Amino acid sequence: MAIHATRNHLVCYDIADPERLAKVHRAVKRRGIPLQYSVFLVPAAPSAIPDLVVELARLIDHREDDIRIYPLPIRLDMRLLGRQGLPEGIALTDASEVGHVLELLVGGRKPQ
């Protein structure tokens, strides 16, 4: 995969302090889509992830807080159970014509 090609990342966090939590939430929300409380899908080039890490590292207390960033495979086999609380206009789909793939659809369009 090219270093500048967009790839989906799962960003999850557990922040102990409400003020730091709000700052982390705003920082991640600027770059991604909330999937669950404190879990975001962040489409980004792998080369952009170190900038996100640096930004988040400045916001947290490394002794109390936990942030994890997982690059998702291109072919993602996923299962969704229960109520899906995605914002209106956003869907995670299985594009079966090309295999199990995570697609982010925003307002009915794929992001560029």
N, C-alpha and C. Protein backbone atom coordinates (compact mmCIF):
# COMPACT_ATOMS: atom_id res chain seq x y z
N MET A 1 0.85 -1.17 0.00
CA MET A 1 0.00 0.00 0.00
C MET A 1 0.89 1.23 0.00
N ALA A 2 0.54 2.21 -0.81
CA ALA A 2 1.29 3.46 -0.88
C ALA A 2 1.19 4.20 0.45
N ILE A 3 2.27 4.89 0.80
CA ILE A 3 2.29 5.57 2.09
C ILE A 3 1.25 6.69 2.18
N HIS A 4 0.83 7.24 1.03
CA HIS A 4 -0.15 8.32 1.05
C HIS A 4 -1.58 7.84 0.80
N ALA A 5 -1.76 6.55 0.58
CA ALA A 5 -3.11 6.01 0.35
C ALA A 5 -3.88 6.02 1.67
N THR A 6 -5.14 6.42 1.60
CA THR A 6 -5.97 6.45 2.79
C THR A 6 -6.27 5.03 3.25
N ARG A 7 -6.18 4.83 4.54
CA ARG A 7 -6.49 3.55 5.16
C ARG A 7 -7.34 3.83 6.38
N ASN A 8 -8.26 2.95 6.70
CA ASN A 8 -9.09 3.13 7.89
C ASN A 8 -8.34 2.69 9.14
N HIS A 9 -8.47 3.49 10.18
CA HIS A 9 -7.88 3.20 11.48
C HIS A 9 -8.97 3.25 12.53
N LEU A 10 -8.90 2.36 13.49
CA LEU A 10 -9.80 2.37 14.62
C LEU A 10 -9.07 3.06 15.77
N VAL A 11 -9.66 4.14 16.28
CA VAL A 11 -9.06 4.88 17.39
C VAL A 11 -9.99 4.73 18.58
N CYS A 12 -9.44 4.19 19.66
CA CYS A 12 -10.22 3.92 20.89
C CYS A 12 -9.48 4.58 22.06
N TYR A 13 -10.25 5.12 22.98
CA TYR A 13 -9.58 5.75 24.11
C TYR A 13 -10.39 5.59 25.39
N ASP A 14 -9.65 5.65 26.48
CA ASP A 14 -10.20 5.63 27.83
C ASP A 14 -9.45 6.72 28.60
N ILE A 15 -10.12 7.83 28.84
CA ILE A 15 -9.49 9.00 29.45
C ILE A 15 -10.10 9.22 30.83
N ALA A 16 -9.26 9.33 31.85
CA ALA A 16 -9.73 9.38 33.24
C ALA A 16 -10.35 10.72 33.64
N ASP A 17 -9.87 11.81 33.09
CA ASP A 17 -10.32 13.14 33.49
C ASP A 17 -11.31 13.71 32.47
N PRO A 18 -12.46 14.22 32.93
CA PRO A 18 -13.46 14.74 31.99
C PRO A 18 -12.96 15.87 31.09
N GLU A 19 -12.09 16.73 31.60
CA GLU A 19 -11.57 17.83 30.78
C GLU A 19 -10.65 17.29 29.68
N ARG A 20 -9.77 16.36 30.04
CA ARG A 20 -8.90 15.75 29.02
C ARG A 20 -9.73 14.94 28.04
N LEU A 21 -10.76 14.26 28.54
CA LEU A 21 -11.65 13.48 27.68
C LEU A 21 -12.27 14.36 26.61
N ALA A 22 -12.76 15.53 27.00
CA ALA A 22 -13.38 16.44 26.03
C ALA A 22 -12.37 16.88 24.97
N LYS A 23 -11.15 17.16 25.38
CA LYS A 23 -10.11 17.59 24.43
C LYS A 23 -9.76 16.47 23.46
N VAL A 24 -9.61 15.25 23.98
CA VAL A 24 -9.29 14.12 23.11
C VAL A 24 -10.45 13.86 22.15
N HIS A 25 -11.66 13.89 22.69
CA HIS A 25 -12.84 13.66 21.85
C HIS A 25 -12.89 14.66 20.69
N ARG A 26 -12.68 15.93 20.97
CA ARG A 26 -12.70 16.94 19.91
C ARG A 26 -11.59 16.70 18.89
N ALA A 27 -10.40 16.34 19.35
CA ALA A 27 -9.28 16.12 18.44
C ALA A 27 -9.54 14.94 17.51
N VAL A 28 -10.08 13.85 18.05
CA VAL A 28 -10.34 12.67 17.22
C VAL A 28 -11.55 12.91 16.32
N LYS A 29 -12.55 13.61 16.82
CA LYS A 29 -13.75 13.87 16.02
C LYS A 29 -13.44 14.73 14.80
N ARG A 30 -12.43 15.61 14.89
CA ARG A 30 -12.03 16.41 13.73
C ARG A 30 -11.52 15.54 12.59
N ARG A 31 -11.03 14.35 12.92
CA ARG A 31 -10.42 13.49 11.91
C ARG A 31 -11.24 12.25 11.57
N GLY A 32 -12.22 11.92 12.39
CA GLY A 32 -12.91 10.66 12.18
C GLY A 32 -14.39 10.71 12.48
N ILE A 33 -14.99 9.54 12.37
CA ILE A 33 -16.43 9.36 12.56
C ILE A 33 -16.64 8.52 13.82
N PRO A 34 -17.48 8.99 14.76
CA PRO A 34 -17.72 8.18 15.96
C PRO A 34 -18.53 6.92 15.62
N LEU A 35 -18.02 5.77 16.05
CA LEU A 35 -18.73 4.50 15.88
C LEU A 35 -19.45 4.13 17.16
N GLN A 36 -18.80 4.36 18.28
CA GLN A 36 -19.35 4.17 19.61
C GLN A 36 -18.72 5.24 20.49
N TYR A 37 -19.20 5.35 21.71
CA TYR A 37 -18.59 6.30 22.63
C TYR A 37 -17.12 5.94 22.78
N SER A 38 -16.23 6.86 22.49
CA SER A 38 -14.78 6.68 22.61
C SER A 38 -14.19 5.71 21.59
N VAL A 39 -14.90 5.41 20.52
CA VAL A 39 -14.39 4.58 19.43
C VAL A 39 -14.70 5.28 18.11
N PHE A 40 -13.65 5.54 17.33
CA PHE A 40 -13.79 6.29 16.08
C PHE A 40 -13.17 5.55 14.91
N LEU A 41 -13.75 5.75 13.75
CA LEU A 41 -13.16 5.31 12.49
C LEU A 41 -12.46 6.53 11.90
N VAL A 42 -11.16 6.42 11.71
CA VAL A 42 -10.38 7.54 11.19
C VAL A 42 -9.75 7.13 9.87
N PRO A 43 -10.27 7.62 8.74
CA PRO A 43 -9.63 7.36 7.47
C PRO A 43 -8.45 8.32 7.30
N ALA A 44 -7.25 7.76 7.17
CA ALA A 44 -6.06 8.60 7.07
C ALA A 44 -4.94 7.82 6.41
N ALA A 45 -4.07 8.54 5.77
CA ALA A 45 -2.86 7.91 5.23
C ALA A 45 -2.00 7.48 6.41
N PRO A 46 -1.34 6.33 6.31
CA PRO A 46 -0.45 5.91 7.40
C PRO A 46 0.57 6.99 7.78
N SER A 47 0.98 7.78 6.82
CA SER A 47 1.94 8.85 7.10
C SER A 47 1.35 9.97 7.96
N ALA A 48 0.02 10.05 8.06
CA ALA A 48 -0.64 11.08 8.87
C ALA A 48 -0.84 10.65 10.32
N ILE A 49 -0.74 9.37 10.58
CA ILE A 49 -1.00 8.85 11.93
C ILE A 49 0.01 9.37 12.96
N PRO A 50 1.31 9.48 12.65
CA PRO A 50 2.22 10.03 13.66
C PRO A 50 1.83 11.44 14.12
N ASP A 51 1.29 12.26 13.23
CA ASP A 51 0.83 13.60 13.64
C ASP A 51 -0.33 13.50 14.63
N LEU A 52 -1.24 12.55 14.39
CA LEU A 52 -2.35 12.33 15.32
C LEU A 52 -1.82 11.86 16.67
N VAL A 53 -0.86 10.96 16.66
CA VAL A 53 -0.28 10.44 17.90
C VAL A 53 0.36 11.57 18.70
N VAL A 54 1.11 12.44 18.03
CA VAL A 54 1.76 13.56 18.72
C VAL A 54 0.70 14.49 19.32
N GLU A 55 -0.34 14.81 18.54
CA GLU A 55 -1.40 15.69 19.04
C GLU A 55 -2.07 15.09 20.27
N LEU A 56 -2.41 13.80 20.21
CA LEU A 56 -3.09 13.17 21.34
C LEU A 56 -2.16 13.02 22.54
N ALA A 57 -0.90 12.74 22.30
CA ALA A 57 0.06 12.57 23.40
C ALA A 57 0.18 13.85 24.23
N ARG A 58 -0.01 14.99 23.58
CA ARG A 58 0.07 16.27 24.30
C ARG A 58 -1.16 16.52 25.17
N LEU A 59 -2.25 15.82 24.89
CA LEU A 59 -3.51 16.06 25.59
C LEU A 59 -3.74 15.16 26.79
N ILE A 60 -3.02 14.05 26.88
CA ILE A 60 -3.34 13.05 27.90
C ILE A 60 -2.33 13.02 29.03
N ASP A 61 -2.73 12.37 30.10
CA ASP A 61 -1.83 12.02 31.20
C ASP A 61 -1.44 10.57 30.94
N HIS A 62 -0.19 10.35 30.64
CA HIS A 62 0.28 9.01 30.24
C HIS A 62 0.21 7.99 31.37
N ARG A 63 0.04 8.46 32.60
CA ARG A 63 -0.07 7.53 33.72
C ARG A 63 -1.50 7.05 33.94
N GLU A 64 -2.49 7.83 33.46
CA GLU A 64 -3.89 7.51 33.74
C GLU A 64 -4.71 7.16 32.50
N ASP A 65 -4.33 7.65 31.35
CA ASP A 65 -5.15 7.54 30.15
C ASP A 65 -4.61 6.47 29.20
N ASP A 66 -5.48 6.02 28.32
CA ASP A 66 -5.13 4.96 27.37
C ASP A 66 -5.75 5.29 26.01
N ILE A 67 -4.91 5.39 24.99
CA ILE A 67 -5.38 5.58 23.62
C ILE A 67 -4.75 4.49 22.77
N ARG A 68 -5.58 3.89 21.92
CA ARG A 68 -5.09 2.84 21.01
C ARG A 68 -5.52 3.15 19.59
N ILE A 69 -4.60 2.96 18.67
CA ILE A 69 -4.87 3.21 17.24
C ILE A 69 -4.52 1.93 16.49
N TYR A 70 -5.54 1.35 15.86
CA TYR A 70 -5.37 0.10 15.13
C TYR A 70 -5.59 0.34 13.64
N PRO A 71 -4.59 0.10 12.80
CA PRO A 71 -4.86 0.15 11.36
C PRO A 71 -5.73 -1.06 10.99
N LEU A 72 -6.78 -0.80 10.24
CA LEU A 72 -7.68 -1.89 9.85
C LEU A 72 -7.21 -2.49 8.52
N PRO A 73 -7.37 -3.79 8.37
CA PRO A 73 -6.98 -4.41 7.11
C PRO A 73 -7.87 -3.92 5.97
N ILE A 74 -7.32 -3.95 4.77
CA ILE A 74 -8.08 -3.54 3.59
C ILE A 74 -9.31 -4.42 3.46
N ARG A 75 -9.15 -5.70 3.61
CA ARG A 75 -10.27 -6.64 3.55
C ARG A 75 -10.65 -6.98 4.98
N LEU A 76 -11.68 -6.34 5.44
CA LEU A 76 -12.11 -6.48 6.83
C LEU A 76 -13.37 -7.32 6.89
N ASP A 77 -13.29 -8.43 7.60
CA ASP A 77 -14.46 -9.27 7.83
C ASP A 77 -15.04 -8.83 9.17
N MET A 78 -16.21 -8.23 9.16
CA MET A 78 -16.76 -7.68 10.39
C MET A 78 -18.16 -8.22 10.64
N ARG A 79 -18.55 -8.18 11.88
CA ARG A 79 -19.89 -8.56 12.30
C ARG A 79 -20.44 -7.43 13.13
N LEU A 80 -21.65 -7.02 12.85
CA LEU A 80 -22.32 -5.97 13.61
C LEU A 80 -23.52 -6.59 14.30
N LEU A 81 -23.59 -6.41 15.60
CA LEU A 81 -24.70 -6.95 16.38
C LEU A 81 -25.38 -5.83 17.14
N GLY A 82 -26.65 -5.94 17.32
CA GLY A 82 -27.37 -4.97 18.12
C GLY A 82 -27.61 -3.66 17.41
N ARG A 83 -28.02 -2.69 18.18
CA ARG A 83 -28.35 -1.36 17.66
C ARG A 83 -27.09 -0.71 17.10
N GLN A 84 -27.19 -0.23 15.89
CA GLN A 84 -26.07 0.46 15.26
C GLN A 84 -26.31 1.95 15.37
N GLY A 85 -25.52 2.63 16.15
CA GLY A 85 -25.74 4.03 16.44
C GLY A 85 -24.89 4.98 15.62
N LEU A 86 -24.74 4.73 14.32
CA LEU A 86 -23.97 5.64 13.50
C LEU A 86 -24.77 6.88 13.18
N PRO A 87 -24.07 8.01 13.00
CA PRO A 87 -24.79 9.23 12.63
C PRO A 87 -25.52 9.06 11.30
N GLU A 88 -26.60 9.83 11.12
CA GLU A 88 -27.38 9.76 9.89
C GLU A 88 -26.50 10.07 8.69
N GLY A 89 -26.65 9.28 7.62
CA GLY A 89 -25.89 9.49 6.40
C GLY A 89 -24.57 8.74 6.36
N ILE A 90 -24.26 7.99 7.42
CA ILE A 90 -23.01 7.24 7.47
C ILE A 90 -23.35 5.78 7.66
N ALA A 91 -22.72 4.93 6.84
CA ALA A 91 -22.98 3.50 6.92
C ALA A 91 -21.70 2.72 6.76
N LEU A 92 -21.57 1.65 7.50
CA LEU A 92 -20.49 0.69 7.29
C LEU A 92 -21.10 -0.45 6.51
N THR A 93 -20.49 -0.78 5.39
CA THR A 93 -21.09 -1.79 4.54
C THR A 93 -20.08 -2.86 4.16
N ASP A 94 -20.61 -3.98 3.74
CA ASP A 94 -19.82 -5.07 3.19
C ASP A 94 -19.98 -4.98 1.67
N ALA A 95 -18.94 -4.54 0.99
CA ALA A 95 -19.00 -4.43 -0.47
C ALA A 95 -18.69 -5.81 -1.04
N SER A 96 -19.71 -6.66 -1.10
CA SER A 96 -19.51 -8.07 -1.44
C SER A 96 -18.94 -8.28 -2.83
N GLU A 97 -19.11 -7.32 -3.76
CA GLU A 97 -18.56 -7.52 -5.08
C GLU A 97 -17.03 -7.48 -5.08
N VAL A 98 -16.42 -6.92 -4.05
CA VAL A 98 -14.96 -6.90 -3.96
C VAL A 98 -14.46 -7.58 -2.68
N GLY A 99 -15.29 -8.33 -2.04
CA GLY A 99 -14.91 -9.00 -0.80
C GLY A 99 -15.36 -8.19 0.40
N HIS A 100 -14.99 -8.63 1.57
CA HIS A 100 -15.39 -7.94 2.80
C HIS A 100 -14.51 -6.72 2.97
N VAL A 101 -15.10 -5.57 2.78
CA VAL A 101 -14.37 -4.31 2.82
C VAL A 101 -15.15 -3.32 3.67
N LEU A 102 -14.45 -2.56 4.43
CA LEU A 102 -15.08 -1.51 5.20
C LEU A 102 -15.14 -0.26 4.34
N GLU A 103 -16.33 0.23 4.11
CA GLU A 103 -16.51 1.45 3.34
C GLU A 103 -17.16 2.48 4.23
N LEU A 104 -16.70 3.67 4.11
CA LEU A 104 -17.31 4.77 4.81
C LEU A 104 -18.08 5.58 3.79
N LEU A 105 -19.37 5.64 3.97
CA LEU A 105 -20.21 6.40 3.05
C LEU A 105 -20.70 7.63 3.78
N VAL A 106 -20.39 8.76 3.25
CA VAL A 106 -20.79 10.03 3.84
C VAL A 106 -21.77 10.70 2.91
N GLY A 107 -23.01 10.85 3.35
CA GLY A 107 -24.01 11.49 2.53
C GLY A 107 -24.21 10.77 1.21
N GLY A 108 -24.07 9.45 1.20
CA GLY A 108 -24.28 8.68 -0.01
C GLY A 108 -23.08 8.69 -0.96
N ARG A 109 -21.97 9.34 -0.56
CA ARG A 109 -20.79 9.39 -1.42
C ARG A 109 -19.60 8.81 -0.68
N LYS A 110 -18.69 8.17 -1.43
CA LYS A 110 -17.44 7.72 -0.84
C LYS A 110 -16.51 8.92 -0.72
N PRO A 111 -15.77 9.03 0.41
CA PRO A 111 -14.85 10.16 0.55
C PRO A 111 -13.74 10.05 -0.48
N GLN A 112 -13.23 11.20 -0.91
CA GLN A 112 -12.12 11.23 -1.89
C GLN A 112 -10.80 11.01 -1.21
